[in-house]
Amino acid sequence: MMARPSLLLLMAAASAIAAVANAASIATGDQDGTAKTRLGNSIERDLSARDQDAAKRQRALDLREQAAKAAEQRLAASVEAQQKDAAGAPGTPGAPAAAEIQFDELARIYQAMKPAKAAAVFEQLDMEVQMKVAQRMRPASTAAILAAMSPKGAASLSMALARKSATKAVAAPVAAQAGPAVAGPAGPARKPG
């Protein structure tokens, strides 16, 4: 009489065979047991191309930021040198013109940049430089950069520009009032009374 193998022995044998097959597939490196499909390869190529494009864009942005920082440093050094020259030799007519040209150049650079990228760099500038550059920019460009700035940075620059405008507006009427009084008595004739 032949003994029938038990179900438990059959399950143990199947489990042992599966363990050996898994070990063999791990050893060969084919863990999921499937080869890459054309779709998988296409997706990998597309992802790789997208990553390379993103890296190129990031490098370009880094270069622009470095150029803006270098221009800011040149401008700051020039302003400092001109201030020293102005303190040492008052009345030099050519000194302010060079600073004005540099601020104009910096304004053109920021106007050429995308507003969001320009705002990120613009907020890191000294407030005096921000004001001088913003005053030389077209109003539409200044508005676009202010819109892209953080609310705190945009408010600070707006307030600084408003103070500068208010100072000029107050100084103009005072100068106009002081002008005729200094020049001589110019006023309406009084009626004898």
N, C-alpha and C. Protein backbone atom coordinates (compact mmCIF):
# COMPACT_ATOMS: atom_id res chain seq x y z
N MET A 1 0.81 -1.16 0.00
CA MET A 1 0.00 0.00 0.00
C MET A 1 0.87 1.25 0.00
N MET A 2 0.46 2.06 -0.76
CA MET A 2 1.22 3.27 -0.93
C MET A 2 0.64 4.40 -0.09
N ALA A 3 1.51 5.10 0.58
CA ALA A 3 1.04 6.19 1.44
C ALA A 3 0.91 7.47 0.61
N ARG A 4 -0.13 8.12 0.84
CA ARG A 4 -0.37 9.39 0.13
C ARG A 4 0.37 10.50 0.85
N PRO A 5 1.04 11.38 0.08
CA PRO A 5 1.74 12.48 0.76
C PRO A 5 0.72 13.47 1.33
N SER A 6 1.05 13.99 2.46
CA SER A 6 0.12 14.92 3.11
C SER A 6 0.19 16.29 2.45
N LEU A 7 -0.87 17.03 2.66
CA LEU A 7 -0.96 18.37 2.10
C LEU A 7 0.14 19.28 2.68
N LEU A 8 0.46 19.06 3.92
CA LEU A 8 1.48 19.87 4.58
C LEU A 8 2.84 19.66 3.93
N LEU A 9 3.18 18.43 3.57
CA LEU A 9 4.45 18.16 2.91
C LEU A 9 4.50 18.80 1.52
N LEU A 10 3.38 18.77 0.79
CA LEU A 10 3.33 19.39 -0.54
C LEU A 10 3.52 20.91 -0.44
N MET A 11 2.91 21.53 0.54
CA MET A 11 3.05 22.98 0.73
C MET A 11 4.49 23.35 1.10
N ALA A 12 5.12 22.55 1.91
CA ALA A 12 6.49 22.81 2.32
C ALA A 12 7.42 22.71 1.11
N ALA A 13 7.19 21.72 0.24
CA ALA A 13 8.01 21.56 -0.96
C ALA A 13 7.83 22.74 -1.90
N ALA A 14 6.59 23.22 -2.09
CA ALA A 14 6.31 24.37 -2.97
C ALA A 14 6.96 25.63 -2.42
N SER A 15 6.92 25.79 -1.10
CA SER A 15 7.54 26.95 -0.45
C SER A 15 9.05 26.93 -0.64
N ALA A 16 9.66 25.78 -0.54
CA ALA A 16 11.11 25.66 -0.72
C ALA A 16 11.50 25.98 -2.16
N ILE A 17 10.72 25.54 -3.11
CA ILE A 17 11.01 25.82 -4.52
C ILE A 17 10.87 27.32 -4.79
N ALA A 18 9.86 27.97 -4.23
CA ALA A 18 9.66 29.42 -4.41
C ALA A 18 10.81 30.21 -3.81
N ALA A 19 11.31 29.78 -2.64
CA ALA A 19 12.43 30.47 -1.99
C ALA A 19 13.68 30.37 -2.84
N VAL A 20 13.94 29.20 -3.43
CA VAL A 20 15.10 29.02 -4.30
C VAL A 20 14.96 29.90 -5.55
N ALA A 21 13.76 29.98 -6.12
CA ALA A 21 13.55 30.80 -7.32
C ALA A 21 13.75 32.28 -7.00
N ASN A 22 13.27 32.74 -5.86
CA ASN A 22 13.47 34.14 -5.46
C ASN A 22 14.95 34.45 -5.25
N ALA A 23 15.66 33.54 -4.61
CA ALA A 23 17.09 33.74 -4.38
C ALA A 23 17.84 33.82 -5.71
N ALA A 24 17.43 32.98 -6.67
CA ALA A 24 18.08 33.00 -7.98
C ALA A 24 17.80 34.30 -8.72
N SER A 25 16.57 34.82 -8.62
CA SER A 25 16.26 36.08 -9.32
C SER A 25 16.98 37.26 -8.68
N ILE A 26 17.14 37.25 -7.35
CA ILE A 26 17.89 38.32 -6.67
C ILE A 26 19.35 38.27 -7.07
N ALA A 27 19.89 37.09 -7.17
CA ALA A 27 21.30 36.94 -7.53
C ALA A 27 21.56 37.43 -8.95
N THR A 28 20.61 37.29 -9.84
CA THR A 28 20.82 37.73 -11.22
C THR A 28 20.52 39.21 -11.39
N GLY A 29 19.90 39.84 -10.40
CA GLY A 29 19.64 41.27 -10.48
C GLY A 29 18.29 41.61 -11.06
N ASP A 30 17.51 40.67 -11.45
CA ASP A 30 16.19 40.92 -12.02
C ASP A 30 15.16 40.73 -10.91
N GLN A 31 14.98 41.77 -10.09
CA GLN A 31 14.15 41.63 -8.90
C GLN A 31 12.67 41.58 -9.23
N ASP A 32 12.22 42.42 -10.15
CA ASP A 32 10.79 42.41 -10.46
C ASP A 32 10.44 41.42 -11.56
N GLY A 33 11.42 40.86 -12.19
CA GLY A 33 11.19 39.82 -13.19
C GLY A 33 10.71 40.34 -14.52
N THR A 34 10.65 41.65 -14.72
CA THR A 34 10.20 42.19 -15.99
C THR A 34 11.29 43.08 -16.58
N ALA A 35 11.39 43.07 -17.86
CA ALA A 35 12.35 43.94 -18.55
C ALA A 35 11.69 45.30 -18.77
N LYS A 36 12.51 46.35 -18.98
CA LYS A 36 11.97 47.68 -19.23
C LYS A 36 11.25 47.70 -20.58
N THR A 37 10.16 48.40 -20.58
CA THR A 37 9.38 48.50 -21.81
C THR A 37 9.79 49.77 -22.56
N ARG A 38 9.30 49.89 -23.79
CA ARG A 38 9.59 51.10 -24.56
C ARG A 38 9.01 52.33 -23.88
N LEU A 39 7.83 52.19 -23.30
CA LEU A 39 7.21 53.30 -22.59
C LEU A 39 8.06 53.73 -21.40
N GLY A 40 8.57 52.75 -20.65
CA GLY A 40 9.44 53.06 -19.51
C GLY A 40 10.70 53.78 -19.96
N ASN A 41 11.30 53.31 -21.05
CA ASN A 41 12.51 53.96 -21.57
C ASN A 41 12.20 55.38 -22.04
N SER A 42 11.07 55.56 -22.69
CA SER A 42 10.68 56.89 -23.17
C SER A 42 10.46 57.85 -22.01
N ILE A 43 9.81 57.37 -20.97
CA ILE A 43 9.58 58.21 -19.79
C ILE A 43 10.90 58.60 -19.14
N GLU A 44 11.82 57.65 -19.02
CA GLU A 44 13.12 57.96 -18.44
C GLU A 44 13.88 59.00 -19.27
N ARG A 45 13.82 58.88 -20.61
CA ARG A 45 14.49 59.86 -21.48
C ARG A 45 13.86 61.24 -21.30
N ASP A 46 12.53 61.30 -21.26
CA ASP A 46 11.84 62.57 -21.08
C ASP A 46 12.20 63.22 -19.73
N LEU A 47 12.23 62.41 -18.68
CA LEU A 47 12.59 62.93 -17.37
C LEU A 47 14.03 63.45 -17.35
N SER A 48 14.91 62.70 -18.00
CA SER A 48 16.31 63.12 -18.08
C SER A 48 16.45 64.43 -18.84
N ALA A 49 15.74 64.55 -19.96
CA ALA A 49 15.79 65.79 -20.75
C ALA A 49 15.22 66.96 -19.95
N ARG A 50 14.13 66.73 -19.23
CA ARG A 50 13.54 67.79 -18.41
C ARG A 50 14.50 68.23 -17.31
N ASP A 51 15.17 67.27 -16.67
CA ASP A 51 16.14 67.60 -15.62
C ASP A 51 17.31 68.40 -16.19
N GLN A 52 17.76 68.04 -17.38
CA GLN A 52 18.86 68.79 -18.00
C GLN A 52 18.44 70.21 -18.34
N ASP A 53 17.21 70.38 -18.86
CA ASP A 53 16.70 71.72 -19.17
C ASP A 53 16.57 72.56 -17.90
N ALA A 54 16.10 71.94 -16.83
CA ALA A 54 15.96 72.65 -15.55
C ALA A 54 17.34 73.07 -15.03
N ALA A 55 18.33 72.21 -15.19
CA ALA A 55 19.68 72.55 -14.75
C ALA A 55 20.24 73.71 -15.58
N LYS A 56 19.98 73.72 -16.88
CA LYS A 56 20.44 74.83 -17.74
C LYS A 56 19.78 76.14 -17.32
N ARG A 57 18.47 76.09 -17.07
CA ARG A 57 17.77 77.31 -16.65
C ARG A 57 18.31 77.81 -15.32
N GLN A 58 18.58 76.89 -14.40
CA GLN A 58 19.11 77.28 -13.09
C GLN A 58 20.48 77.92 -13.24
N ARG A 59 21.32 77.35 -14.12
CA ARG A 59 22.65 77.94 -14.34
C ARG A 59 22.52 79.35 -14.91
N ALA A 60 21.58 79.54 -15.85
CA ALA A 60 21.37 80.86 -16.44
C ALA A 60 20.89 81.85 -15.38
N LEU A 61 19.99 81.41 -14.52
CA LEU A 61 19.51 82.30 -13.45
C LEU A 61 20.63 82.64 -12.48
N ASP A 62 21.46 81.65 -12.16
CA ASP A 62 22.59 81.91 -11.27
C ASP A 62 23.54 82.93 -11.89
N LEU A 63 23.79 82.80 -13.20
CA LEU A 63 24.67 83.75 -13.87
C LEU A 63 24.07 85.16 -13.86
N ARG A 64 22.77 85.27 -14.08
CA ARG A 64 22.12 86.58 -14.05
C ARG A 64 22.22 87.20 -12.66
N GLU A 65 21.99 86.37 -11.64
CA GLU A 65 22.06 86.87 -10.28
C GLU A 65 23.48 87.32 -9.94
N GLN A 66 24.47 86.55 -10.38
CA GLN A 66 25.86 86.94 -10.14
C GLN A 66 26.18 88.25 -10.86
N ALA A 67 25.67 88.41 -12.08
CA ALA A 67 25.91 89.65 -12.82
C ALA A 67 25.26 90.83 -12.12
N ALA A 68 24.06 90.63 -11.61
CA ALA A 68 23.38 91.72 -10.90
C ALA A 68 24.12 92.08 -9.62
N LYS A 69 24.60 91.06 -8.89
CA LYS A 69 25.36 91.33 -7.67
C LYS A 69 26.67 92.05 -7.99
N ALA A 70 27.33 91.63 -9.06
CA ALA A 70 28.58 92.28 -9.45
C ALA A 70 28.32 93.74 -9.83
N ALA A 71 27.23 93.99 -10.56
CA ALA A 71 26.89 95.36 -10.93
C ALA A 71 26.59 96.18 -9.69
N GLU A 72 25.90 95.58 -8.72
CA GLU A 72 25.60 96.28 -7.47
C GLU A 72 26.89 96.62 -6.72
N GLN A 73 27.82 95.67 -6.68
CA GLN A 73 29.08 95.92 -5.98
C GLN A 73 29.88 97.02 -6.67
N ARG A 74 29.90 96.98 -8.02
CA ARG A 74 30.61 98.04 -8.75
C ARG A 74 29.96 99.39 -8.47
N LEU A 75 28.66 99.40 -8.47
CA LEU A 75 27.92 100.64 -8.22
C LEU A 75 28.19 101.15 -6.81
N ALA A 76 28.15 100.26 -5.82
CA ALA A 76 28.40 100.66 -4.45
C ALA A 76 29.82 101.18 -4.29
N ALA A 77 30.78 100.50 -4.92
CA ALA A 77 32.17 100.95 -4.84
C ALA A 77 32.34 102.31 -5.52
N SER A 78 31.66 102.49 -6.64
CA SER A 78 31.75 103.76 -7.35
C SER A 78 31.13 104.89 -6.54
N VAL A 79 29.97 104.62 -5.93
CA VAL A 79 29.31 105.64 -5.11
C VAL A 79 30.19 106.00 -3.92
N GLU A 80 30.79 104.99 -3.31
CA GLU A 80 31.67 105.24 -2.17
C GLU A 80 32.88 106.07 -2.58
N ALA A 81 33.47 105.73 -3.72
CA ALA A 81 34.62 106.48 -4.22
C ALA A 81 34.23 107.92 -4.53
N GLN A 82 33.05 108.10 -5.12
CA GLN A 82 32.60 109.45 -5.45
C GLN A 82 32.31 110.25 -4.20
N GLN A 83 31.78 109.59 -3.17
CA GLN A 83 31.53 110.29 -1.93
C GLN A 83 32.83 110.74 -1.29
N LYS A 84 33.84 109.88 -1.37
CA LYS A 84 35.15 110.27 -0.84
C LYS A 84 35.74 111.42 -1.64
N ASP A 85 35.59 111.35 -2.98
CA ASP A 85 36.09 112.43 -3.83
C ASP A 85 35.34 113.73 -3.56
N ALA A 86 34.02 113.62 -3.38
CA ALA A 86 33.22 114.82 -3.14
C ALA A 86 33.57 115.43 -1.79
N ALA A 87 33.87 114.60 -0.81
CA ALA A 87 34.24 115.12 0.50
C ALA A 87 35.61 115.77 0.45
N GLY A 88 36.52 115.22 -0.35
CA GLY A 88 37.87 115.76 -0.45
C GLY A 88 37.96 116.98 -1.33
N ALA A 89 37.21 117.02 -2.42
CA ALA A 89 37.28 118.13 -3.36
C ALA A 89 35.87 118.58 -3.71
N PRO A 90 35.32 119.54 -2.94
CA PRO A 90 33.97 119.97 -3.24
C PRO A 90 33.89 120.72 -4.56
N GLY A 91 32.75 120.59 -5.20
CA GLY A 91 32.54 121.34 -6.43
C GLY A 91 33.02 120.64 -7.68
N THR A 92 33.32 119.34 -7.62
CA THR A 92 33.73 118.63 -8.84
C THR A 92 32.47 118.31 -9.65
N PRO A 93 32.35 118.84 -10.84
CA PRO A 93 31.13 118.67 -11.61
C PRO A 93 30.95 117.28 -12.20
N GLY A 94 31.98 116.51 -12.47
CA GLY A 94 31.86 115.22 -13.15
C GLY A 94 31.51 114.08 -12.24
N ALA A 95 31.63 114.22 -10.92
CA ALA A 95 31.42 113.12 -9.98
C ALA A 95 30.00 112.59 -9.99
N PRO A 96 28.95 113.40 -9.84
CA PRO A 96 27.61 112.83 -9.79
C PRO A 96 27.18 112.19 -11.10
N ALA A 97 27.69 112.63 -12.21
CA ALA A 97 27.27 112.09 -13.50
C ALA A 97 27.61 110.61 -13.63
N ALA A 98 28.76 110.18 -13.13
CA ALA A 98 29.15 108.77 -13.22
C ALA A 98 28.21 107.90 -12.40
N ALA A 99 27.84 108.34 -11.20
CA ALA A 99 26.91 107.56 -10.37
C ALA A 99 25.55 107.48 -11.04
N GLU A 100 25.11 108.58 -11.63
CA GLU A 100 23.82 108.59 -12.30
C GLU A 100 23.81 107.60 -13.47
N ILE A 101 24.90 107.54 -14.20
CA ILE A 101 25.00 106.61 -15.33
C ILE A 101 24.93 105.18 -14.83
N GLN A 102 25.58 104.89 -13.72
CA GLN A 102 25.56 103.52 -13.19
C GLN A 102 24.17 103.14 -12.70
N PHE A 103 23.47 104.08 -12.06
CA PHE A 103 22.11 103.77 -11.63
C PHE A 103 21.20 103.57 -12.84
N ASP A 104 21.41 104.36 -13.89
CA ASP A 104 20.63 104.18 -15.11
C ASP A 104 20.89 102.80 -15.72
N GLU A 105 22.16 102.39 -15.72
CA GLU A 105 22.53 101.09 -16.27
C GLU A 105 21.90 99.96 -15.45
N LEU A 106 21.93 100.09 -14.14
CA LEU A 106 21.34 99.08 -13.28
C LEU A 106 19.83 99.02 -13.48
N ALA A 107 19.20 100.17 -13.70
CA ALA A 107 17.75 100.21 -13.96
C ALA A 107 17.45 99.47 -15.26
N ARG A 108 18.27 99.65 -16.29
CA ARG A 108 18.05 98.94 -17.55
C ARG A 108 18.20 97.43 -17.36
N ILE A 109 19.16 97.02 -16.54
CA ILE A 109 19.37 95.59 -16.29
C ILE A 109 18.13 94.98 -15.63
N TYR A 110 17.62 95.64 -14.60
CA TYR A 110 16.46 95.10 -13.90
C TYR A 110 15.21 95.13 -14.77
N GLN A 111 15.07 96.12 -15.63
CA GLN A 111 13.92 96.17 -16.53
C GLN A 111 13.96 95.03 -17.54
N ALA A 112 15.16 94.59 -17.92
CA ALA A 112 15.30 93.52 -18.90
C ALA A 112 15.01 92.14 -18.29
N MET A 113 15.14 92.02 -16.98
CA MET A 113 14.92 90.73 -16.32
C MET A 113 13.43 90.46 -16.16
N LYS A 114 13.09 89.20 -15.94
CA LYS A 114 11.71 88.84 -15.62
C LYS A 114 11.41 89.42 -14.24
N PRO A 115 10.19 89.97 -14.04
CA PRO A 115 9.88 90.65 -12.77
C PRO A 115 10.09 89.79 -11.53
N ALA A 116 9.72 88.52 -11.58
CA ALA A 116 9.87 87.66 -10.40
C ALA A 116 11.34 87.46 -10.05
N LYS A 117 12.17 87.26 -11.05
CA LYS A 117 13.60 87.05 -10.79
C LYS A 117 14.25 88.37 -10.37
N ALA A 118 13.85 89.46 -10.99
CA ALA A 118 14.41 90.77 -10.62
C ALA A 118 14.02 91.12 -9.19
N ALA A 119 12.79 90.81 -8.80
CA ALA A 119 12.32 91.13 -7.45
C ALA A 119 13.11 90.38 -6.39
N ALA A 120 13.45 89.12 -6.67
CA ALA A 120 14.21 88.33 -5.70
C ALA A 120 15.57 88.96 -5.43
N VAL A 121 16.21 89.48 -6.46
CA VAL A 121 17.52 90.11 -6.28
C VAL A 121 17.34 91.54 -5.77
N PHE A 122 16.34 92.24 -6.27
CA PHE A 122 16.10 93.65 -5.95
C PHE A 122 15.88 93.84 -4.46
N GLU A 123 15.17 92.89 -3.82
CA GLU A 123 14.88 93.01 -2.39
C GLU A 123 16.13 92.91 -1.54
N GLN A 124 17.18 92.31 -2.06
CA GLN A 124 18.40 92.15 -1.28
C GLN A 124 19.30 93.38 -1.35
N LEU A 125 18.96 94.33 -2.20
CA LEU A 125 19.77 95.54 -2.33
C LEU A 125 19.54 96.46 -1.16
N ASP A 126 20.47 97.38 -0.95
CA ASP A 126 20.34 98.43 0.05
C ASP A 126 19.15 99.31 -0.36
N MET A 127 18.41 99.83 0.61
CA MET A 127 17.21 100.61 0.32
C MET A 127 17.54 101.84 -0.52
N GLU A 128 18.66 102.48 -0.27
CA GLU A 128 19.03 103.67 -1.05
C GLU A 128 19.25 103.29 -2.52
N VAL A 129 19.90 102.16 -2.75
CA VAL A 129 20.12 101.69 -4.13
C VAL A 129 18.78 101.32 -4.76
N GLN A 130 17.91 100.64 -4.01
CA GLN A 130 16.59 100.29 -4.54
C GLN A 130 15.84 101.54 -4.99
N MET A 131 15.86 102.57 -4.15
CA MET A 131 15.14 103.80 -4.49
C MET A 131 15.71 104.46 -5.74
N LYS A 132 17.02 104.59 -5.79
CA LYS A 132 17.63 105.27 -6.93
C LYS A 132 17.39 104.51 -8.23
N VAL A 133 17.43 103.18 -8.15
CA VAL A 133 17.20 102.37 -9.36
C VAL A 133 15.72 102.43 -9.74
N ALA A 134 14.82 102.32 -8.76
CA ALA A 134 13.38 102.34 -9.04
C ALA A 134 12.95 103.68 -9.64
N GLN A 135 13.58 104.77 -9.22
CA GLN A 135 13.24 106.08 -9.75
C GLN A 135 13.62 106.21 -11.22
N ARG A 136 14.58 105.43 -11.66
CA ARG A 136 15.05 105.52 -13.04
C ARG A 136 14.36 104.51 -13.96
N MET A 137 13.56 103.62 -13.40
CA MET A 137 12.88 102.61 -14.20
C MET A 137 11.56 103.15 -14.73
N ARG A 138 11.07 102.51 -15.80
CA ARG A 138 9.74 102.85 -16.30
C ARG A 138 8.72 102.46 -15.23
N PRO A 139 7.64 103.23 -15.10
CA PRO A 139 6.64 102.91 -14.08
C PRO A 139 6.07 101.49 -14.21
N ALA A 140 5.86 101.02 -15.42
CA ALA A 140 5.31 99.67 -15.60
C ALA A 140 6.29 98.62 -15.10
N SER A 141 7.56 98.81 -15.34
CA SER A 141 8.57 97.85 -14.86
C SER A 141 8.67 97.88 -13.35
N THR A 142 8.64 99.09 -12.79
CA THR A 142 8.70 99.21 -11.33
C THR A 142 7.48 98.52 -10.71
N ALA A 143 6.32 98.72 -11.31
CA ALA A 143 5.09 98.10 -10.79
C ALA A 143 5.17 96.58 -10.86
N ALA A 144 5.69 96.05 -11.95
CA ALA A 144 5.79 94.59 -12.09
C ALA A 144 6.75 94.00 -11.06
N ILE A 145 7.85 94.69 -10.82
CA ILE A 145 8.82 94.20 -9.83
C ILE A 145 8.23 94.32 -8.43
N LEU A 146 7.56 95.44 -8.12
CA LEU A 146 6.93 95.59 -6.81
C LEU A 146 5.88 94.50 -6.59
N ALA A 147 5.14 94.14 -7.63
CA ALA A 147 4.12 93.10 -7.50
C ALA A 147 4.75 91.75 -7.21
N ALA A 148 5.95 91.51 -7.71
CA ALA A 148 6.61 90.22 -7.50
C ALA A 148 7.39 90.17 -6.19
N MET A 149 7.59 91.33 -5.56
CA MET A 149 8.34 91.36 -4.29
C MET A 149 7.46 90.85 -3.16
N SER A 150 8.10 90.54 -2.02
CA SER A 150 7.33 90.17 -0.84
C SER A 150 6.56 91.40 -0.38
N PRO A 151 5.44 91.21 0.30
CA PRO A 151 4.67 92.38 0.74
C PRO A 151 5.48 93.34 1.60
N LYS A 152 6.33 92.81 2.46
CA LYS A 152 7.15 93.66 3.33
C LYS A 152 8.16 94.47 2.51
N GLY A 153 8.82 93.81 1.58
CA GLY A 153 9.80 94.50 0.74
C GLY A 153 9.16 95.55 -0.14
N ALA A 154 8.00 95.22 -0.73
CA ALA A 154 7.30 96.17 -1.58
C ALA A 154 6.82 97.37 -0.78
N ALA A 155 6.34 97.12 0.44
CA ALA A 155 5.88 98.22 1.28
C ALA A 155 7.04 99.12 1.68
N SER A 156 8.18 98.53 2.02
CA SER A 156 9.35 99.33 2.41
C SER A 156 9.81 100.23 1.27
N LEU A 157 9.90 99.66 0.08
CA LEU A 157 10.34 100.45 -1.07
C LEU A 157 9.32 101.53 -1.40
N SER A 158 8.03 101.18 -1.35
CA SER A 158 6.99 102.17 -1.63
C SER A 158 7.05 103.33 -0.65
N MET A 159 7.23 103.01 0.63
CA MET A 159 7.31 104.07 1.63
C MET A 159 8.55 104.93 1.42
N ALA A 160 9.66 104.32 1.08
CA ALA A 160 10.88 105.09 0.83
C ALA A 160 10.70 106.01 -0.37
N LEU A 161 10.08 105.49 -1.43
CA LEU A 161 9.83 106.32 -2.60
C LEU A 161 8.85 107.44 -2.28
N ALA A 162 7.84 107.15 -1.47
CA ALA A 162 6.86 108.17 -1.09
C ALA A 162 7.51 109.26 -0.25
N ARG A 163 8.40 108.87 0.67
CA ARG A 163 9.11 109.87 1.49
C ARG A 163 9.98 110.75 0.61
N LYS A 164 10.64 110.14 -0.35
CA LYS A 164 11.51 110.91 -1.25
C LYS A 164 10.68 111.89 -2.07
N SER A 165 9.52 111.44 -2.57
CA SER A 165 8.64 112.32 -3.35
C SER A 165 8.07 113.42 -2.47
N ALA A 166 7.69 113.08 -1.24
CA ALA A 166 7.14 114.08 -0.33
C ALA A 166 8.20 115.11 0.03
N THR A 167 9.43 114.68 0.20
CA THR A 167 10.52 115.61 0.52
C THR A 167 10.73 116.58 -0.64
N LYS A 168 10.70 116.06 -1.86
CA LYS A 168 10.87 116.94 -3.03
C LYS A 168 9.70 117.91 -3.15
N ALA A 169 8.46 117.43 -2.89
CA ALA A 169 7.27 118.28 -3.01
C ALA A 169 7.28 119.38 -1.96
N VAL A 170 7.73 119.08 -0.75
CA VAL A 170 7.79 120.09 0.30
C VAL A 170 8.92 121.07 0.03
N ALA A 171 10.04 120.59 -0.47
CA ALA A 171 11.19 121.45 -0.74
C ALA A 171 10.90 122.43 -1.87
N ALA A 172 10.13 122.05 -2.86
CA ALA A 172 9.85 122.92 -4.00
C ALA A 172 9.05 124.15 -3.60
N PRO A 173 7.93 124.03 -2.85
CA PRO A 173 7.20 125.24 -2.45
C PRO A 173 8.01 126.13 -1.51
N VAL A 174 8.80 125.53 -0.63
CA VAL A 174 9.62 126.32 0.28
C VAL A 174 10.64 127.12 -0.51
N ALA A 175 11.25 126.48 -1.51
CA ALA A 175 12.22 127.18 -2.34
C ALA A 175 11.54 128.28 -3.15
N ALA A 176 10.33 128.02 -3.61
CA ALA A 176 9.60 129.02 -4.39
C ALA A 176 9.22 130.21 -3.53
N GLN A 177 8.86 129.95 -2.27
CA GLN A 177 8.51 131.05 -1.36
C GLN A 177 9.74 131.83 -0.96
N ALA A 178 10.85 131.14 -0.75
CA ALA A 178 12.08 131.81 -0.33
C ALA A 178 12.69 132.57 -1.49
N GLY A 179 12.46 132.14 -2.71
CA GLY A 179 13.08 132.77 -3.89
C GLY A 179 12.73 134.23 -4.03
N PRO A 180 11.47 134.68 -4.10
CA PRO A 180 11.14 136.09 -4.27
C PRO A 180 11.55 136.93 -3.07
N ALA A 181 11.48 136.38 -1.85
CA ALA A 181 11.84 137.16 -0.68
C ALA A 181 13.32 137.48 -0.68
N VAL A 182 14.12 136.53 -1.15
CA VAL A 182 15.55 136.76 -1.20
C VAL A 182 15.89 137.73 -2.33
N ALA A 183 15.19 137.61 -3.43
CA ALA A 183 15.49 138.45 -4.59
C ALA A 183 15.13 139.90 -4.33
N GLY A 184 14.12 140.13 -3.57
CA GLY A 184 13.73 141.51 -3.30
C GLY A 184 12.27 141.56 -2.92
N PRO A 185 11.79 142.72 -2.50
CA PRO A 185 10.38 142.80 -2.10
C PRO A 185 9.49 142.78 -3.32
N ALA A 186 8.91 141.66 -3.55
CA ALA A 186 7.98 141.54 -4.66
C ALA A 186 6.66 141.08 -4.10
N GLY A 187 5.72 141.93 -3.97
CA GLY A 187 4.44 141.58 -3.43
C GLY A 187 3.41 142.55 -3.92
N PRO A 188 2.16 142.29 -3.61
CA PRO A 188 1.13 143.21 -4.08
C PRO A 188 1.24 144.56 -3.35
N ALA A 189 0.94 145.59 -4.08
CA ALA A 189 1.00 146.93 -3.50
C ALA A 189 -0.15 147.11 -2.52
N ARG A 190 0.15 147.72 -1.38
CA ARG A 190 -0.87 147.92 -0.37
C ARG A 190 -1.63 149.20 -0.64
N LYS A 191 -2.89 149.18 -0.37
CA LYS A 191 -3.69 150.39 -0.49
C LYS A 191 -3.48 151.22 0.76
N PRO A 192 -3.40 152.50 0.56
CA PRO A 192 -3.27 153.32 1.76
C PRO A 192 -4.56 153.21 2.56
N GLY A 193 -4.40 153.08 3.82
CA GLY A 193 -5.61 152.84 4.51
C GLY A 193 -5.75 153.35 5.79
